[in-house]
Amino acid sequence: MTIAVDPTGFSLRNISQHIEKRVKEFGVRSEIKREFVKTTFSVDTGSLMILSCDRVDSHNADVKRMEHAITSLVKGGFVGCIVADKGYGAEHVHRDIHERLGAEAFIPVRNMSEPARSGSSNVRTSGLYRGRMKFFFDDKKYGQRSKVETVNSMVKRKMGDVVNSRISSTSGAEVMLRAIAHNFHRLLELKPESMEGMIS
């Protein structure tokens, strides 16, 4: 399977952007802070089913939660490659995907280091796996990342983008239940023959 990983946010306030704009115009409150729950979905790009769901603090960097996704995917197996955006491009993420999952990683490399001393315009990339990715990056594979954004949109359209609970444990459970409900909905939509490999 090709797995796409991406975070998304669920609002903790059931206030539309239109209402917020009008409130600010009338000066009732100078600022309305939009709190949200950040969730990381790992999605099978073939079936559009959610394989792992991780509720995280909104202040956490995305890359810190990739270990949870990898650990969840190790249990399931059958992972061919993982695609994610630059926020997950740390060397240890590439290494875990290769060594723990036995899969390929297609994550763009950030050119944040200094140019090589030879005077060329090429930028040095630290890390064995990140350096490898720089030369073997596959744009076609990386294009599959849009599938996880599609799933993010599907979940929010069908079940809303607002989480009612403000307690960490219960808000996480609420997001998880939406992921499960999404998967059941996909099972009803998929043809039986496309589910044979998944069920086995």
N, C-alpha and C. Protein backbone atom coordinates (compact mmCIF):
# COMPACT_ATOMS: atom_id res chain seq x y z
N MET A 1 0.84 -1.20 0.00
CA MET A 1 0.00 0.00 0.00
C MET A 1 0.87 1.25 0.00
N THR A 2 0.34 2.29 -0.58
CA THR A 2 0.94 3.62 -0.46
C THR A 2 0.17 4.38 0.60
N ILE A 3 0.88 4.86 1.61
CA ILE A 3 0.24 5.55 2.74
C ILE A 3 0.58 7.03 2.69
N ALA A 4 -0.43 7.87 2.79
CA ALA A 4 -0.23 9.32 2.84
C ALA A 4 -0.52 9.80 4.26
N VAL A 5 0.37 10.62 4.79
CA VAL A 5 0.25 11.11 6.16
C VAL A 5 0.15 12.64 6.14
N ASP A 6 -0.80 13.16 6.90
CA ASP A 6 -0.95 14.62 6.94
C ASP A 6 -1.79 15.00 8.16
N PRO A 7 -1.48 16.14 8.79
CA PRO A 7 -2.30 16.59 9.92
C PRO A 7 -3.49 17.42 9.45
N THR A 8 -4.49 17.51 10.29
CA THR A 8 -5.62 18.39 10.04
C THR A 8 -6.13 18.89 11.39
N GLY A 9 -6.92 19.93 11.38
CA GLY A 9 -7.40 20.51 12.62
C GLY A 9 -8.91 20.48 12.74
N PHE A 10 -9.41 20.19 13.94
CA PHE A 10 -10.84 20.27 14.25
C PHE A 10 -11.04 21.38 15.27
N SER A 11 -11.95 22.28 14.96
CA SER A 11 -12.18 23.43 15.82
C SER A 11 -12.83 23.01 17.14
N LEU A 12 -12.49 23.74 18.22
CA LEU A 12 -13.12 23.52 19.51
C LEU A 12 -14.21 24.56 19.79
N ARG A 13 -14.46 25.43 18.83
CA ARG A 13 -15.49 26.45 18.98
C ARG A 13 -16.47 26.33 17.82
N ASN A 14 -17.74 26.20 18.15
CA ASN A 14 -18.76 26.07 17.12
C ASN A 14 -19.23 27.45 16.67
N ILE A 15 -18.26 28.24 16.17
CA ILE A 15 -18.54 29.58 15.70
C ILE A 15 -18.04 29.70 14.27
N SER A 16 -18.88 30.09 13.36
CA SER A 16 -18.48 30.20 11.96
C SER A 16 -17.58 31.41 11.77
N GLN A 17 -16.81 31.39 10.71
CA GLN A 17 -15.94 32.52 10.40
C GLN A 17 -16.77 33.77 10.09
N HIS A 18 -17.97 33.59 9.53
CA HIS A 18 -18.84 34.73 9.24
C HIS A 18 -19.23 35.44 10.53
N ILE A 19 -19.62 34.67 11.56
CA ILE A 19 -20.01 35.26 12.84
C ILE A 19 -18.81 35.97 13.47
N GLU A 20 -17.66 35.35 13.43
CA GLU A 20 -16.46 35.96 14.00
C GLU A 20 -16.17 37.31 13.35
N LYS A 21 -16.32 37.35 12.02
CA LYS A 21 -16.05 38.58 11.29
C LYS A 21 -17.02 39.68 11.72
N ARG A 22 -18.30 39.33 11.86
CA ARG A 22 -19.30 40.32 12.26
C ARG A 22 -19.07 40.80 13.70
N VAL A 23 -18.68 39.88 14.57
CA VAL A 23 -18.42 40.25 15.97
C VAL A 23 -17.28 41.27 16.04
N LYS A 24 -16.24 41.03 15.25
CA LYS A 24 -15.09 41.94 15.25
C LYS A 24 -15.48 43.31 14.68
N GLU A 25 -16.35 43.31 13.66
CA GLU A 25 -16.78 44.57 13.05
C GLU A 25 -17.54 45.45 14.03
N PHE A 26 -18.37 44.82 14.87
CA PHE A 26 -19.15 45.57 15.86
C PHE A 26 -18.35 45.88 17.11
N GLY A 27 -17.15 45.33 17.21
CA GLY A 27 -16.28 45.66 18.33
C GLY A 27 -16.70 45.06 19.65
N VAL A 28 -17.52 43.99 19.62
CA VAL A 28 -17.94 43.35 20.87
C VAL A 28 -16.73 42.74 21.56
N ARG A 29 -15.90 42.08 20.77
CA ARG A 29 -14.63 41.56 21.29
C ARG A 29 -13.55 41.89 20.26
N SER A 30 -12.40 42.34 20.73
CA SER A 30 -11.34 42.73 19.81
C SER A 30 -10.72 41.53 19.12
N GLU A 31 -10.77 40.38 19.79
CA GLU A 31 -10.15 39.20 19.21
C GLU A 31 -10.85 37.95 19.70
N ILE A 32 -11.07 37.00 18.81
CA ILE A 32 -11.62 35.70 19.16
C ILE A 32 -10.57 34.65 18.81
N LYS A 33 -10.11 33.96 19.81
CA LYS A 33 -9.07 32.95 19.59
C LYS A 33 -9.71 31.64 19.18
N ARG A 34 -9.28 31.12 18.04
CA ARG A 34 -9.82 29.85 17.53
C ARG A 34 -8.93 28.71 18.03
N GLU A 35 -9.43 27.98 19.00
CA GLU A 35 -8.71 26.82 19.48
C GLU A 35 -9.07 25.61 18.63
N PHE A 36 -8.14 24.68 18.50
CA PHE A 36 -8.41 23.52 17.67
C PHE A 36 -7.65 22.30 18.16
N VAL A 37 -8.14 21.15 17.74
CA VAL A 37 -7.50 19.87 18.01
C VAL A 37 -6.77 19.44 16.75
N LYS A 38 -5.48 19.20 16.85
CA LYS A 38 -4.71 18.74 15.70
C LYS A 38 -4.73 17.22 15.66
N THR A 39 -5.01 16.67 14.51
CA THR A 39 -5.09 15.22 14.32
C THR A 39 -4.23 14.82 13.13
N THR A 40 -3.50 13.73 13.26
CA THR A 40 -2.70 13.21 12.17
C THR A 40 -3.35 11.93 11.64
N PHE A 41 -3.74 11.94 10.37
CA PHE A 41 -4.32 10.77 9.73
C PHE A 41 -3.28 10.10 8.82
N SER A 42 -3.25 8.77 8.87
CA SER A 42 -2.49 7.97 7.90
C SER A 42 -3.52 7.26 7.03
N VAL A 43 -3.47 7.51 5.73
CA VAL A 43 -4.54 7.06 4.83
C VAL A 43 -3.98 6.16 3.73
N ASP A 44 -4.68 5.05 3.47
CA ASP A 44 -4.36 4.20 2.33
C ASP A 44 -4.87 4.91 1.08
N THR A 45 -3.96 5.27 0.18
CA THR A 45 -4.36 6.06 -0.99
C THR A 45 -5.22 5.28 -1.98
N GLY A 46 -5.23 3.95 -1.88
CA GLY A 46 -6.05 3.15 -2.77
C GLY A 46 -7.51 3.11 -2.35
N SER A 47 -7.75 2.83 -1.07
CA SER A 47 -9.12 2.69 -0.57
C SER A 47 -9.66 3.94 0.10
N LEU A 48 -8.77 4.93 0.39
CA LEU A 48 -9.13 6.14 1.13
C LEU A 48 -9.62 5.82 2.53
N MET A 49 -9.11 4.74 3.11
CA MET A 49 -9.46 4.39 4.49
C MET A 49 -8.37 4.87 5.43
N ILE A 50 -8.76 5.28 6.64
CA ILE A 50 -7.83 5.78 7.64
C ILE A 50 -7.23 4.60 8.39
N LEU A 51 -5.90 4.48 8.35
CA LEU A 51 -5.22 3.35 8.99
C LEU A 51 -4.72 3.69 10.39
N SER A 52 -4.47 4.96 10.66
CA SER A 52 -4.10 5.37 12.02
C SER A 52 -4.55 6.81 12.23
N CYS A 53 -4.88 7.10 13.48
CA CYS A 53 -5.40 8.42 13.86
C CYS A 53 -4.77 8.82 15.18
N ASP A 54 -4.19 10.00 15.21
CA ASP A 54 -3.46 10.44 16.40
C ASP A 54 -3.86 11.85 16.75
N ARG A 55 -4.47 12.02 17.89
CA ARG A 55 -4.86 13.36 18.36
C ARG A 55 -3.67 13.95 19.12
N VAL A 56 -3.25 15.15 18.73
CA VAL A 56 -2.08 15.77 19.35
C VAL A 56 -2.41 17.18 19.80
N ASP A 57 -1.54 17.72 20.65
CA ASP A 57 -1.66 19.10 21.07
C ASP A 57 -1.38 20.02 19.88
N SER A 58 -2.11 21.10 19.78
CA SER A 58 -1.99 21.98 18.62
C SER A 58 -0.63 22.65 18.52
N HIS A 59 0.14 22.65 19.62
CA HIS A 59 1.45 23.30 19.61
C HIS A 59 2.57 22.33 19.25
N ASN A 60 2.27 21.02 19.13
CA ASN A 60 3.29 20.04 18.79
C ASN A 60 3.67 20.11 17.32
N ALA A 61 4.95 19.94 17.04
CA ALA A 61 5.40 19.87 15.65
C ALA A 61 4.92 18.55 15.05
N ASP A 62 4.57 18.58 13.76
CA ASP A 62 4.04 17.39 13.09
C ASP A 62 5.02 16.22 13.15
N VAL A 63 6.30 16.52 12.97
CA VAL A 63 7.29 15.46 12.87
C VAL A 63 7.37 14.61 14.14
N LYS A 64 7.01 15.18 15.28
CA LYS A 64 7.08 14.45 16.55
C LYS A 64 6.07 13.31 16.62
N ARG A 65 5.01 13.39 15.82
CA ARG A 65 3.95 12.39 15.88
C ARG A 65 4.08 11.32 14.81
N MET A 66 5.09 11.43 13.96
CA MET A 66 5.25 10.41 12.92
C MET A 66 5.60 9.05 13.52
N GLU A 67 6.28 9.03 14.66
CA GLU A 67 6.63 7.76 15.29
C GLU A 67 5.39 6.96 15.64
N HIS A 68 4.33 7.65 16.10
CA HIS A 68 3.07 6.97 16.42
C HIS A 68 2.47 6.34 15.17
N ALA A 69 2.50 7.09 14.07
CA ALA A 69 1.94 6.58 12.81
C ALA A 69 2.73 5.37 12.33
N ILE A 70 4.06 5.43 12.42
CA ILE A 70 4.90 4.32 11.97
C ILE A 70 4.66 3.10 12.83
N THR A 71 4.58 3.29 14.16
CA THR A 71 4.33 2.17 15.07
C THR A 71 3.00 1.50 14.76
N SER A 72 1.98 2.29 14.44
CA SER A 72 0.67 1.74 14.10
C SER A 72 0.73 0.96 12.80
N LEU A 73 1.49 1.47 11.84
CA LEU A 73 1.58 0.81 10.53
C LEU A 73 2.43 -0.45 10.57
N VAL A 74 3.39 -0.51 11.50
CA VAL A 74 4.21 -1.72 11.65
C VAL A 74 3.34 -2.91 11.99
N LYS A 75 2.33 -2.69 12.81
CA LYS A 75 1.43 -3.76 13.24
C LYS A 75 0.61 -4.30 12.06
N GLY A 76 0.28 -3.41 11.12
CA GLY A 76 -0.55 -3.83 9.99
C GLY A 76 0.23 -4.45 8.86
N GLY A 77 1.46 -3.96 8.64
CA GLY A 77 2.29 -4.49 7.55
C GLY A 77 1.79 -4.06 6.19
N PHE A 78 2.40 -4.64 5.13
CA PHE A 78 2.00 -4.41 3.73
C PHE A 78 2.12 -2.95 3.30
N VAL A 79 3.10 -2.22 3.83
CA VAL A 79 3.31 -0.83 3.44
C VAL A 79 4.43 -0.78 2.41
N GLY A 80 4.12 -0.22 1.23
CA GLY A 80 5.12 -0.11 0.18
C GLY A 80 5.88 1.20 0.26
N CYS A 81 5.15 2.30 0.47
CA CYS A 81 5.81 3.59 0.60
C CYS A 81 4.91 4.55 1.38
N ILE A 82 5.55 5.57 1.94
CA ILE A 82 4.86 6.60 2.70
C ILE A 82 5.17 7.94 2.08
N VAL A 83 4.14 8.75 1.87
CA VAL A 83 4.32 10.10 1.32
C VAL A 83 3.82 11.10 2.35
N ALA A 84 4.57 12.18 2.51
CA ALA A 84 4.21 13.24 3.46
C ALA A 84 4.89 14.52 3.03
N ASP A 85 4.48 15.64 3.61
CA ASP A 85 5.07 16.92 3.21
C ASP A 85 6.39 17.17 3.94
N LYS A 86 6.99 18.33 3.69
CA LYS A 86 8.32 18.64 4.21
C LYS A 86 8.39 18.68 5.73
N GLY A 87 7.25 18.89 6.36
CA GLY A 87 7.23 18.94 7.82
C GLY A 87 7.65 17.64 8.48
N TYR A 88 7.62 16.55 7.71
CA TYR A 88 8.00 15.23 8.24
C TYR A 88 9.38 14.79 7.72
N GLY A 89 10.14 15.71 7.17
CA GLY A 89 11.37 15.33 6.48
C GLY A 89 12.60 15.16 7.33
N ALA A 90 12.48 14.86 8.62
CA ALA A 90 13.65 14.65 9.47
C ALA A 90 14.34 13.33 9.11
N GLU A 91 15.63 13.26 9.35
CA GLU A 91 16.39 12.06 9.03
C GLU A 91 15.88 10.84 9.78
N HIS A 92 15.53 11.00 11.05
CA HIS A 92 15.07 9.84 11.83
C HIS A 92 13.74 9.30 11.32
N VAL A 93 12.92 10.15 10.70
CA VAL A 93 11.66 9.68 10.10
C VAL A 93 11.96 8.82 8.88
N HIS A 94 12.85 9.29 8.02
CA HIS A 94 13.26 8.50 6.85
C HIS A 94 13.84 7.16 7.29
N ARG A 95 14.69 7.19 8.32
CA ARG A 95 15.34 5.97 8.79
C ARG A 95 14.32 4.98 9.34
N ASP A 96 13.36 5.45 10.13
CA ASP A 96 12.34 4.56 10.70
C ASP A 96 11.48 3.93 9.61
N ILE A 97 11.13 4.72 8.60
CA ILE A 97 10.30 4.19 7.51
C ILE A 97 11.05 3.08 6.77
N HIS A 98 12.33 3.30 6.52
CA HIS A 98 13.13 2.30 5.81
C HIS A 98 13.41 1.07 6.67
N GLU A 99 13.83 1.30 7.92
CA GLU A 99 14.29 0.19 8.75
C GLU A 99 13.17 -0.53 9.49
N ARG A 100 12.19 0.19 9.98
CA ARG A 100 11.11 -0.45 10.74
C ARG A 100 9.99 -0.97 9.85
N LEU A 101 9.69 -0.21 8.79
CA LEU A 101 8.59 -0.61 7.90
C LEU A 101 9.08 -1.35 6.66
N GLY A 102 10.36 -1.19 6.35
CA GLY A 102 10.86 -1.78 5.11
C GLY A 102 10.21 -1.15 3.90
N ALA A 103 9.89 0.13 4.01
CA ALA A 103 9.18 0.84 2.95
C ALA A 103 10.00 2.01 2.43
N GLU A 104 9.55 2.60 1.32
CA GLU A 104 10.18 3.78 0.77
C GLU A 104 9.49 5.03 1.33
N ALA A 105 10.26 6.10 1.48
CA ALA A 105 9.70 7.37 1.93
C ALA A 105 9.84 8.40 0.83
N PHE A 106 8.75 9.05 0.49
CA PHE A 106 8.80 10.13 -0.50
C PHE A 106 8.36 11.41 0.21
N ILE A 107 9.34 12.05 0.84
CA ILE A 107 9.13 13.27 1.61
C ILE A 107 10.12 14.30 1.09
N PRO A 108 9.66 15.44 0.58
CA PRO A 108 10.59 16.44 0.05
C PRO A 108 11.61 16.86 1.10
N VAL A 109 12.84 17.11 0.64
CA VAL A 109 13.93 17.51 1.53
C VAL A 109 14.03 19.02 1.56
N ARG A 110 14.06 19.56 2.77
CA ARG A 110 14.24 21.01 2.91
C ARG A 110 15.72 21.36 2.73
N ASN A 111 16.00 22.35 1.91
CA ASN A 111 17.38 22.81 1.72
C ASN A 111 17.67 23.93 2.72
N MET A 112 17.98 23.52 3.94
CA MET A 112 18.20 24.49 5.00
C MET A 112 19.68 24.62 5.37
N SER A 113 20.53 23.75 4.82
CA SER A 113 21.94 23.80 5.15
C SER A 113 22.69 24.73 4.20
N GLU A 114 23.96 24.95 4.48
CA GLU A 114 24.77 25.86 3.68
C GLU A 114 25.25 25.19 2.40
N PRO A 115 25.60 25.98 1.37
CA PRO A 115 26.12 25.40 0.13
C PRO A 115 27.42 24.64 0.38
N ALA A 116 27.70 23.70 -0.49
CA ALA A 116 28.93 22.92 -0.36
C ALA A 116 30.16 23.81 -0.52
N ARG A 117 31.28 23.41 0.07
CA ARG A 117 32.49 24.23 0.04
C ARG A 117 33.10 24.32 -1.36
N SER A 118 32.73 23.42 -2.24
CA SER A 118 33.31 23.42 -3.58
C SER A 118 32.93 24.65 -4.38
N GLY A 119 31.98 25.42 -3.87
CA GLY A 119 31.57 26.63 -4.56
C GLY A 119 30.40 26.43 -5.49
N SER A 120 29.90 25.19 -5.61
CA SER A 120 28.75 24.92 -6.47
C SER A 120 27.48 25.43 -5.81
N SER A 121 26.46 25.55 -6.61
CA SER A 121 25.18 26.05 -6.09
C SER A 121 24.40 24.97 -5.35
N ASN A 122 24.86 23.71 -5.42
CA ASN A 122 24.17 22.62 -4.74
C ASN A 122 24.24 22.81 -3.23
N VAL A 123 23.16 22.47 -2.57
CA VAL A 123 23.10 22.60 -1.11
C VAL A 123 23.31 21.25 -0.47
N ARG A 124 24.14 21.21 0.54
CA ARG A 124 24.41 19.96 1.22
C ARG A 124 23.17 19.50 2.00
N THR A 125 22.93 18.23 1.99
CA THR A 125 21.80 17.66 2.73
C THR A 125 22.35 16.67 3.74
N SER A 126 22.09 16.90 5.00
CA SER A 126 22.61 16.03 6.05
C SER A 126 21.79 14.75 6.14
N GLY A 127 22.46 13.66 6.50
CA GLY A 127 21.76 12.39 6.70
C GLY A 127 21.81 11.51 5.48
N LEU A 128 22.02 10.22 5.72
CA LEU A 128 22.10 9.24 4.63
C LEU A 128 20.80 9.15 3.85
N TYR A 129 19.67 8.98 4.56
CA TYR A 129 18.40 8.76 3.89
C TYR A 129 17.87 10.04 3.25
N ARG A 130 18.11 11.18 3.89
CA ARG A 130 17.68 12.45 3.30
C ARG A 130 18.48 12.75 2.03
N GLY A 131 19.77 12.43 2.06
CA GLY A 131 20.58 12.62 0.88
C GLY A 131 20.14 11.72 -0.26
N ARG A 132 19.75 10.50 0.08
CA ARG A 132 19.25 9.56 -0.92
C ARG A 132 17.94 10.06 -1.53
N MET A 133 17.08 10.59 -0.67
CA MET A 133 15.79 11.07 -1.14
C MET A 133 15.95 12.22 -2.14
N LYS A 134 16.99 13.01 -1.94
CA LYS A 134 17.21 14.16 -2.82
C LYS A 134 17.42 13.73 -4.27
N PHE A 135 18.00 12.54 -4.47
CA PHE A 135 18.31 12.07 -5.81
C PHE A 135 17.26 11.11 -6.38
N PHE A 136 16.48 10.46 -5.50
CA PHE A 136 15.54 9.44 -5.98
C PHE A 136 14.08 9.84 -5.73
N PHE A 137 13.84 11.13 -5.54
CA PHE A 137 12.48 11.59 -5.28
C PHE A 137 11.59 11.35 -6.50
N ASP A 138 10.39 10.83 -6.26
CA ASP A 138 9.44 10.49 -7.33
C ASP A 138 8.23 11.40 -7.23
N ASP A 139 8.11 12.33 -8.17
CA ASP A 139 6.99 13.29 -8.14
C ASP A 139 5.64 12.60 -8.29
N LYS A 140 5.61 11.54 -9.09
CA LYS A 140 4.35 10.83 -9.30
C LYS A 140 3.87 10.18 -8.00
N LYS A 141 4.79 9.54 -7.28
CA LYS A 141 4.43 8.95 -5.99
C LYS A 141 3.99 10.02 -5.00
N TYR A 142 4.75 11.11 -4.97
CA TYR A 142 4.45 12.19 -4.03
C TYR A 142 3.08 12.80 -4.32
N GLY A 143 2.66 12.74 -5.57
CA GLY A 143 1.35 13.27 -5.93
C GLY A 143 0.20 12.57 -5.23
N GLN A 144 0.45 11.36 -4.69
CA GLN A 144 -0.57 10.63 -3.96
C GLN A 144 -0.91 11.28 -2.62
N ARG A 145 -0.09 12.23 -2.19
CA ARG A 145 -0.33 12.87 -0.89
C ARG A 145 -1.66 13.61 -0.87
N SER A 146 -2.12 14.03 -2.01
CA SER A 146 -3.40 14.76 -2.07
C SER A 146 -4.56 13.89 -1.58
N LYS A 147 -4.39 12.57 -1.60
CA LYS A 147 -5.47 11.67 -1.17
C LYS A 147 -5.80 11.86 0.31
N VAL A 148 -4.79 12.10 1.14
CA VAL A 148 -5.06 12.29 2.56
C VAL A 148 -5.80 13.60 2.79
N GLU A 149 -5.51 14.61 1.97
CA GLU A 149 -6.25 15.87 2.08
C GLU A 149 -7.71 15.68 1.67
N THR A 150 -7.92 14.79 0.70
CA THR A 150 -9.28 14.44 0.29
C THR A 150 -10.04 13.80 1.45
N VAL A 151 -9.38 12.88 2.15
CA VAL A 151 -10.01 12.21 3.29
C VAL A 151 -10.30 13.21 4.41
N ASN A 152 -9.37 14.11 4.68
CA ASN A 152 -9.60 15.15 5.68
C ASN A 152 -10.88 15.92 5.37
N SER A 153 -11.04 16.26 4.09
CA SER A 153 -12.23 17.00 3.66
C SER A 153 -13.49 16.15 3.78
N MET A 154 -13.40 14.86 3.44
CA MET A 154 -14.55 13.96 3.52
C MET A 154 -15.06 13.84 4.96
N VAL A 155 -14.13 13.66 5.90
CA VAL A 155 -14.51 13.51 7.31
C VAL A 155 -15.20 14.77 7.81
N LYS A 156 -14.68 15.93 7.46
CA LYS A 156 -15.24 17.18 7.96
C LYS A 156 -16.59 17.50 7.31
N ARG A 157 -16.73 17.16 6.03
CA ARG A 157 -18.01 17.42 5.36
C ARG A 157 -19.13 16.55 5.92
N LYS A 158 -18.82 15.29 6.19
CA LYS A 158 -19.86 14.35 6.62
C LYS A 158 -20.15 14.43 8.11
N MET A 159 -19.11 14.72 8.91
CA MET A 159 -19.29 14.66 10.37
C MET A 159 -18.95 15.96 11.09
N GLY A 160 -18.68 17.00 10.32
CA GLY A 160 -18.41 18.30 10.92
C GLY A 160 -16.95 18.50 11.26
N ASP A 161 -16.57 19.78 11.40
CA ASP A 161 -15.18 20.10 11.70
C ASP A 161 -15.02 20.67 13.11
N VAL A 162 -16.03 20.44 13.96
CA VAL A 162 -16.00 20.93 15.33
C VAL A 162 -16.02 19.76 16.30
N VAL A 163 -15.11 19.76 17.26
CA VAL A 163 -15.08 18.76 18.33
C VAL A 163 -15.74 19.36 19.56
N ASN A 164 -16.71 18.65 20.13
CA ASN A 164 -17.48 19.19 21.24
C ASN A 164 -16.74 19.14 22.57
N SER A 165 -15.96 18.11 22.80
CA SER A 165 -15.28 17.94 24.08
C SER A 165 -14.01 18.77 24.13
N ARG A 166 -13.73 19.35 25.29
CA ARG A 166 -12.50 20.11 25.48
C ARG A 166 -11.47 19.34 26.30
N ILE A 167 -11.84 18.16 26.80
CA ILE A 167 -10.90 17.33 27.55
C ILE A 167 -10.07 16.52 26.57
N SER A 168 -8.77 16.45 26.81
CA SER A 168 -7.86 15.83 25.85
C SER A 168 -8.25 14.41 25.49
N SER A 169 -8.54 13.58 26.51
CA SER A 169 -8.82 12.17 26.25
C SER A 169 -10.12 11.98 25.48
N THR A 170 -11.15 12.72 25.83
CA THR A 170 -12.44 12.55 25.17
C THR A 170 -12.48 13.20 23.79
N SER A 171 -11.76 14.30 23.61
CA SER A 171 -11.71 14.90 22.27
C SER A 171 -10.95 13.98 21.32
N GLY A 172 -9.93 13.29 21.84
CA GLY A 172 -9.22 12.30 21.03
C GLY A 172 -10.12 11.15 20.64
N ALA A 173 -10.95 10.69 21.60
CA ALA A 173 -11.89 9.60 21.32
C ALA A 173 -12.93 10.04 20.29
N GLU A 174 -13.35 11.29 20.37
CA GLU A 174 -14.35 11.80 19.43
C GLU A 174 -13.81 11.82 17.99
N VAL A 175 -12.56 12.24 17.85
CA VAL A 175 -11.94 12.23 16.53
C VAL A 175 -11.75 10.80 16.04
N MET A 176 -11.35 9.90 16.94
CA MET A 176 -11.15 8.50 16.57
C MET A 176 -12.46 7.87 16.08
N LEU A 177 -13.56 8.18 16.75
CA LEU A 177 -14.86 7.64 16.34
C LEU A 177 -15.26 8.15 14.95
N ARG A 178 -14.88 9.37 14.64
CA ARG A 178 -15.17 9.90 13.30
C ARG A 178 -14.35 9.15 12.26
N ALA A 179 -13.11 8.81 12.60
CA ALA A 179 -12.28 8.04 11.68
C ALA A 179 -12.88 6.66 11.45
N ILE A 180 -13.37 6.03 12.52
CA ILE A 180 -14.00 4.71 12.40
C ILE A 180 -15.27 4.80 11.56
N ALA A 181 -16.07 5.83 11.80
CA ALA A 181 -17.30 6.01 11.03
C ALA A 181 -16.99 6.23 9.55
N HIS A 182 -15.94 6.98 9.29
CA HIS A 182 -15.51 7.20 7.90
C HIS A 182 -15.14 5.87 7.24
N ASN A 183 -14.41 5.01 7.97
CA ASN A 183 -14.01 3.72 7.41
C ASN A 183 -15.20 2.82 7.12
N PHE A 184 -16.19 2.81 7.99
CA PHE A 184 -17.40 2.03 7.74
C PHE A 184 -18.12 2.55 6.49
N HIS A 185 -18.15 3.85 6.34
CA HIS A 185 -18.79 4.44 5.18
C HIS A 185 -18.06 4.04 3.91
N ARG A 186 -16.72 4.01 3.97
CA ARG A 186 -15.94 3.60 2.80
C ARG A 186 -16.17 2.12 2.48
N LEU A 187 -16.30 1.28 3.51
CA LEU A 187 -16.57 -0.14 3.28
C LEU A 187 -17.87 -0.35 2.52
N LEU A 188 -18.86 0.49 2.81
CA LEU A 188 -20.14 0.39 2.12
C LEU A 188 -20.02 0.85 0.67
N GLU A 189 -19.10 1.78 0.41
CA GLU A 189 -18.94 2.32 -0.94
C GLU A 189 -18.07 1.43 -1.83
N LEU A 190 -17.08 0.75 -1.23
CA LEU A 190 -16.15 -0.07 -2.01
C LEU A 190 -16.84 -1.32 -2.54
N LYS A 191 -16.43 -1.74 -3.71
CA LYS A 191 -16.95 -2.98 -4.27
C LYS A 191 -16.32 -4.17 -3.54
N PRO A 192 -17.04 -5.28 -3.40
CA PRO A 192 -16.51 -6.44 -2.67
C PRO A 192 -15.16 -6.93 -3.18
N GLU A 193 -14.96 -6.92 -4.52
CA GLU A 193 -13.71 -7.44 -5.06
C GLU A 193 -12.52 -6.56 -4.66
N SER A 194 -12.75 -5.26 -4.44
CA SER A 194 -11.65 -4.37 -4.06
C SER A 194 -11.29 -4.52 -2.59
N MET A 195 -12.14 -5.24 -1.82
CA MET A 195 -11.91 -5.41 -0.40
C MET A 195 -11.30 -6.75 -0.05
N GLU A 196 -11.16 -7.63 -1.02
CA GLU A 196 -10.69 -8.99 -0.73
C GLU A 196 -9.31 -8.99 -0.09
N GLY A 197 -8.37 -8.23 -0.66
CA GLY A 197 -7.02 -8.19 -0.11
C GLY A 197 -6.99 -7.56 1.25
N MET A 198 -7.85 -6.54 1.47
CA MET A 198 -7.88 -5.86 2.75
C MET A 198 -8.40 -6.78 3.85
N ILE A 199 -9.44 -7.56 3.55
CA ILE A 199 -10.03 -8.45 4.55
C ILE A 199 -9.09 -9.58 4.89
N SER A 200 -8.39 -10.13 3.88
CA SER A 200 -7.47 -11.24 4.13
C SER A 200 -6.28 -10.77 4.93
